[in-house]
Amino acid sequence: MSINNNLIPGFNDEKDDSLKISLEKVDSVDNCIILYLNGYIDTYNSANFQKRITKVVDAGYINLIFNCTSLNYVSSTGIGALTTFQKTVKQKGGDIVLFEIQSKVYEVFQLLGFSQFFNIKETQEDAIDFFNEEPAVEESSFPKIFACPVCAKKLKATKAGRFRCSECKSILAIDNQGQVLLG
């Protein structure tokens, strides 16, 4: 674990037995680090998680890869923390990738509608390759006119995200490609 303090001075000063974090620098990608998460992220340890990841970002790592193999649980508070870091690093020209997410943890992302907002990959190689790919120039699917999948009311979405149908009040999600999903 002393390697953590070698990469990020003082990283191990804030410890929590409910979530252990190990660090590994990725030499093939600028400002990139892999964070191995072991344990869980919930309301009680989220502040500690945020402090530790803030140290990583403050040290100049803006391309964050989270290895979630040993992440057993994440609450909505934990997902909120990840969302905050995604915004922070994107403003600095970086991004976040999650990989090897356990199915029960992935279900939480899906239920809360966040699985489409994070870059989720199967393997570490795929996660690293994400940062080495040339960004695709995508044509905008928006604004998009579509029928609510529940009540068939015609709706208009100006951007990707989650919203409620004005007719039947169903919660809908629309991804960047314009695909409409429930929830």
Protein backbone atom coordinates (compact mmCIF):
# COMPACT_ATOMS: atom_id res chain seq x y z
CA MET A 1 0.00 0.00 0.00
CA SER A 2 2.98 2.33 0.32
CA ILE A 3 2.93 2.57 -3.47
CA ASN A 4 -0.30 4.54 -3.05
CA ASN A 5 1.54 7.23 -1.08
CA ASN A 6 4.36 7.21 -3.66
CA LEU A 7 1.86 8.01 -6.43
CA ILE A 8 -0.33 10.37 -4.38
CA PRO A 9 1.36 11.82 -1.28
CA GLY A 10 -0.87 11.32 1.77
CA PHE A 11 -3.32 9.06 -0.06
CA ASN A 12 -3.32 6.42 2.67
CA ASP A 13 -3.73 9.00 5.46
CA GLU A 14 -7.52 8.70 5.08
CA LYS A 15 -8.30 5.01 5.57
CA ASP A 16 -11.60 3.22 5.89
CA ASP A 17 -11.86 -0.54 6.35
CA SER A 18 -15.19 -0.61 4.50
CA LEU A 19 -13.50 0.53 1.25
CA LYS A 20 -9.89 -0.20 0.42
CA ILE A 21 -8.42 1.59 -2.60
CA SER A 22 -5.20 0.63 -4.37
CA LEU A 23 -3.63 2.72 -7.11
CA GLU A 24 -1.72 1.82 -10.28
CA LYS A 25 -0.41 4.39 -12.76
CA VAL A 26 -1.10 3.73 -16.45
CA ASP A 27 2.00 4.71 -18.41
CA SER A 28 0.41 4.34 -21.85
CA VAL A 29 -2.19 7.09 -21.19
CA ASP A 30 -1.43 10.65 -20.04
CA ASN A 31 -2.60 11.49 -16.51
CA CYS A 32 -4.23 8.07 -16.10
CA ILE A 33 -4.55 5.92 -13.00
CA ILE A 34 -6.38 2.72 -12.13
CA LEU A 35 -8.20 2.69 -8.78
CA TYR A 36 -8.88 -0.80 -7.44
CA LEU A 37 -11.97 -0.63 -5.23
CA ASN A 38 -12.45 -3.32 -2.58
CA GLY A 39 -15.52 -3.13 -0.34
CA TYR A 40 -18.52 -0.88 -0.72
CA ILE A 41 -19.49 2.78 -1.12
CA ASP A 42 -22.49 4.01 0.84
CA THR A 43 -23.74 7.05 2.75
CA TYR A 44 -21.41 6.39 5.67
CA ASN A 45 -18.09 6.11 3.81
CA SER A 46 -18.86 8.30 0.79
CA ALA A 47 -17.19 11.39 2.30
CA ASN A 48 -13.97 9.43 2.84
CA PHE A 49 -14.17 8.07 -0.72
CA GLN A 50 -14.62 11.61 -2.05
CA LYS A 51 -11.62 12.92 -0.07
CA ARG A 52 -9.37 10.20 -1.42
CA ILE A 53 -10.45 10.58 -5.04
CA THR A 54 -10.11 14.36 -4.75
CA LYS A 55 -6.45 13.79 -3.80
CA VAL A 56 -6.02 11.75 -6.98
CA VAL A 57 -7.58 14.45 -9.18
CA ASP A 58 -5.64 17.22 -7.37
CA ALA A 59 -2.43 15.28 -8.13
CA GLY A 60 -3.19 15.73 -11.85
CA TYR A 61 -4.81 12.40 -12.69
CA ILE A 62 -7.84 13.24 -14.82
CA ASN A 63 -8.27 9.91 -16.64
CA LEU A 64 -9.63 7.64 -13.92
CA ILE A 65 -10.20 3.91 -14.39
CA PHE A 66 -12.14 2.22 -11.58
CA ASN A 67 -11.63 -1.54 -11.26
CA CYS A 68 -14.90 -2.66 -9.68
CA THR A 69 -14.15 -6.41 -9.44
CA SER A 70 -14.19 -6.28 -5.62
CA LEU A 71 -16.76 -3.51 -5.24
CA ASN A 72 -19.62 -5.38 -3.54
CA TYR A 73 -22.16 -2.56 -3.21
CA VAL A 74 -22.66 1.04 -4.21
CA SER A 75 -25.52 3.21 -2.97
CA SER A 76 -27.06 6.18 -4.72
CA THR A 77 -24.71 8.36 -2.64
CA GLY A 78 -21.73 6.49 -4.07
CA ILE A 79 -23.03 6.89 -7.61
CA GLY A 80 -23.53 10.59 -6.87
CA ALA A 81 -19.87 10.84 -5.84
CA LEU A 82 -18.78 9.15 -9.09
CA THR A 83 -21.00 11.53 -11.06
CA THR A 84 -19.37 14.52 -9.35
CA PHE A 85 -15.91 13.23 -10.24
CA GLN A 86 -16.96 12.58 -13.81
CA LYS A 87 -18.05 16.24 -14.14
CA THR A 88 -14.83 17.44 -12.50
CA VAL A 89 -12.45 15.46 -14.71
CA LYS A 90 -14.43 16.18 -17.90
CA GLN A 91 -14.02 19.91 -17.23
CA LYS A 92 -10.27 19.27 -17.12
CA GLY A 93 -10.28 17.23 -20.36
CA GLY A 94 -10.40 13.80 -18.71
CA ASP A 95 -12.96 11.07 -18.16
CA ILE A 96 -13.93 8.10 -15.99
CA VAL A 97 -14.19 4.44 -17.01
CA LEU A 98 -15.57 1.64 -14.83
CA PHE A 99 -14.83 -2.01 -15.57
CA GLU A 100 -15.53 -5.50 -14.27
CA ILE A 101 -18.64 -4.36 -12.40
CA GLN A 102 -20.39 -7.12 -10.48
CA SER A 103 -23.93 -7.75 -11.75
CA LYS A 104 -25.59 -6.74 -8.46
CA VAL A 105 -23.70 -3.42 -8.50
CA TYR A 106 -24.49 -2.86 -12.18
CA GLU A 107 -28.18 -3.35 -11.38
CA VAL A 108 -28.03 -0.33 -9.03
CA PHE A 109 -26.56 1.77 -11.86
CA GLN A 110 -29.35 0.57 -14.16
CA LEU A 111 -32.17 1.07 -11.65
CA LEU A 112 -31.05 4.62 -10.97
CA GLY A 113 -30.63 5.31 -14.70
CA PHE A 114 -26.87 5.91 -14.59
CA SER A 115 -25.59 2.93 -16.60
CA GLN A 116 -25.80 5.00 -19.79
CA PHE A 117 -23.93 8.01 -18.36
CA PHE A 118 -20.75 6.15 -17.40
CA ASN A 119 -18.22 4.52 -19.67
CA ILE A 120 -18.52 0.89 -18.60
CA LYS A 121 -16.14 -1.69 -20.06
CA GLU A 122 -15.62 -5.42 -19.58
CA THR A 123 -11.83 -5.58 -19.14
CA GLN A 124 -8.90 -3.44 -18.06
CA GLU A 125 -7.56 -3.52 -21.63
CA ASP A 126 -10.89 -2.17 -22.94
CA ALA A 127 -10.81 0.57 -20.28
CA ILE A 128 -7.28 1.66 -21.25
CA ASP A 129 -8.14 1.45 -24.96
CA PHE A 130 -11.05 3.84 -24.34
CA PHE A 131 -8.53 6.61 -23.62
CA ASN A 132 -6.38 5.74 -26.65
CA GLU A 133 -9.26 5.87 -29.15
CA GLU A 134 -9.80 8.91 -31.31
CA PRO A 135 -13.01 10.62 -30.23
CA ALA A 136 -15.79 9.85 -32.68
CA VAL A 137 -17.61 12.75 -34.21
CA GLU A 138 -21.21 11.86 -33.58
CA GLU A 139 -24.16 13.35 -35.29
CA SER A 140 -26.72 14.66 -32.90
CA SER A 141 -29.97 12.71 -32.63
CA PHE A 142 -31.60 15.70 -30.99
CA PRO A 143 -34.10 17.16 -30.89
CA LYS A 144 -35.95 13.85 -31.16
CA ILE A 145 -39.70 13.33 -31.49
CA PHE A 146 -40.87 9.92 -30.24
CA ALA A 147 -43.87 8.10 -28.78
CA CYS A 148 -43.91 7.25 -25.07
CA PRO A 149 -43.44 3.47 -24.85
CA VAL A 150 -46.20 3.27 -22.19
CA CYS A 151 -49.02 5.53 -23.40
CA ALA A 152 -47.91 6.40 -26.98
CA LYS A 153 -48.10 10.18 -26.37
CA LYS A 154 -45.86 12.11 -28.78
CA LEU A 155 -42.95 13.66 -26.86
CA LYS A 156 -39.92 15.76 -27.73
CA ALA A 157 -36.47 15.39 -26.17
CA THR A 158 -33.90 18.13 -26.72
CA LYS A 159 -31.02 16.16 -25.18
CA ALA A 160 -30.11 12.83 -23.59
CA GLY A 161 -31.24 12.26 -20.02
CA ARG A 162 -34.11 11.18 -17.80
CA PHE A 163 -37.54 12.77 -17.75
CA ARG A 164 -41.21 12.07 -17.03
CA CYS A 165 -43.91 11.58 -19.65
CA SER A 166 -46.37 14.48 -19.44
CA GLU A 167 -49.32 12.15 -20.03
CA CYS A 168 -48.80 8.92 -18.04
CA LYS A 169 -46.02 10.18 -15.71
CA SER A 170 -43.72 7.22 -16.57
CA ILE A 171 -40.03 7.89 -16.04
CA LEU A 172 -38.15 7.61 -19.32
CA ALA A 173 -34.48 7.71 -20.22
CA ILE A 174 -33.07 8.62 -23.61
CA ASP A 175 -29.44 7.91 -24.46
CA ASN A 176 -27.08 9.88 -26.68
CA GLN A 177 -28.11 7.83 -29.71
CA GLY A 178 -31.78 8.70 -29.14
CA GLN A 179 -32.83 5.27 -27.84
CA VAL A 180 -35.76 5.52 -25.40
CA LEU A 181 -35.91 3.26 -22.33
CA LEU A 182 -38.16 3.02 -19.29
CA GLY A 183 -36.64 4.22 -16.02
